[in-house]
Structures are given as structure tokens and as C-alpha cells.
Amino acid sequence: MDIRELQAYATLFATIILAVVLYWYIVYLYRSEKKGEKDYEKLGDIALDDEIHSKPINTSDPLPEKKERNK
């Protein structure tokens, strides 16, 4: 096995792994939006509406469990 054959196998392996990871990430994003956990359309509007006086996307406390522990 020479270096070119080793490079070919490594490239094939890396391509397959990256394709699987990309597919898994797309499925994850689709499922989280379908469940209502995230609204990616609102998050995408951040690039268009980025003024200092703009209304925040998430108005809830990001870490409510820390707030409850401090009481």
C-alpha cells in the first residue's frame, strides 16, 4: 500500500464521516423546529434586524434553574 492509496482511503473515509455528520445535523435542526423548541426563521431575521433598539428574540430567562437554586 503506497501513500497515494492511503490518501485515497483517508479522503473517502473523511468524506463519508462528514456527510453523515451533516445529515445528522440537518435532521436535528428539522426535528427541533418541528417540536417547537426553536424557531429558526426568527433567528435568521437577526441578520436583517440588528439595530440596538430592536426587540430581543428570546425574552425568557435563559437559565431559570440557576435562579431557582439561588432562592
Protein backbone atom coordinates (compact mmCIF):
# COMPACT_ATOMS: atom_id res chain seq x y z
CA MET A 1 0.00 0.00 0.00
CA ASP A 2 1.63 3.21 -1.14
CA ILE A 3 0.96 6.74 0.08
CA ARG A 4 -1.49 7.59 -2.72
CA GLU A 5 -3.72 4.64 -1.90
CA LEU A 6 -3.62 5.54 1.78
CA GLN A 7 -4.58 9.14 0.95
CA ALA A 8 -7.46 7.90 -1.19
CA TYR A 9 -8.84 5.74 1.64
CA ALA A 10 -8.43 8.57 4.14
CA THR A 11 -10.24 11.01 1.84
CA LEU A 12 -13.07 8.54 1.26
CA PHE A 13 -13.40 7.86 4.98
CA ALA A 14 -13.39 11.58 5.86
CA THR A 15 -15.98 12.34 3.17
CA ILE A 16 -18.32 9.63 4.42
CA ILE A 17 -17.96 10.73 8.05
CA LEU A 18 -18.56 14.40 7.22
CA ALA A 19 -21.60 13.55 5.07
CA VAL A 20 -23.11 11.51 7.92
CA VAL A 21 -22.46 14.31 10.43
CA LEU A 22 -24.02 16.88 8.09
CA TYR A 23 -27.09 14.69 7.52
CA TRP A 24 -27.46 14.14 11.28
CA TYR A 25 -27.25 17.90 11.93
CA ILE A 26 -29.89 18.67 9.29
CA VAL A 27 -32.23 16.08 10.83
CA TYR A 28 -31.56 17.54 14.30
CA LEU A 29 -32.44 21.06 13.12
CA TYR A 30 -35.59 19.83 11.39
CA ARG A 31 -36.78 17.89 14.44
CA SER A 32 -36.11 20.72 16.89
CA GLU A 33 -38.05 23.16 14.72
CA LYS A 34 -40.88 20.65 14.28
CA LYS A 35 -41.14 20.15 18.08
CA GLY A 36 -41.28 23.90 18.59
CA GLU A 37 -38.05 24.13 20.56
CA LYS A 38 -36.52 26.69 18.20
CA ASP A 39 -37.87 28.99 15.52
CA TYR A 40 -35.05 29.31 13.03
CA GLU A 41 -36.94 31.84 10.92
CA LYS A 42 -36.92 34.30 13.83
CA LEU A 43 -33.25 33.59 14.50
CA GLY A 44 -32.49 34.14 10.81
CA ASP A 45 -34.05 37.61 11.00
CA ILE A 46 -31.31 38.70 13.40
CA ALA A 47 -29.08 39.44 10.43
CA LEU A 48 -31.70 41.73 8.91
CA ASP A 49 -32.87 43.47 12.10
CA ASP A 50 -29.76 44.16 14.15
CA GLU A 51 -30.40 47.65 15.46
CA ILE A 52 -29.56 48.49 19.07
CA HIS A 53 -33.23 49.23 19.85
CA SER A 54 -34.59 46.05 18.27
CA LYS A 55 -36.81 43.77 20.32
CA PRO A 56 -34.94 40.69 21.64
CA ILE A 57 -35.76 37.34 20.05
CA ASN A 58 -35.78 35.38 23.32
CA THR A 59 -37.40 37.32 26.14
CA SER A 60 -37.36 34.49 28.69
CA ASP A 61 -34.61 33.92 31.24
CA PRO A 62 -32.04 31.67 29.56
CA LEU A 63 -31.11 29.83 32.78
CA PRO A 64 -34.20 29.58 35.03
CA GLU A 65 -32.80 26.64 37.05
CA LYS A 66 -29.95 28.82 38.38
CA LYS A 67 -32.45 31.42 39.51
CA GLU A 68 -34.44 28.80 41.46
CA ARG A 69 -31.31 27.42 43.17
CA ASN A 70 -30.31 30.88 44.45
CA LYS A 71 -33.59 31.38 46.34
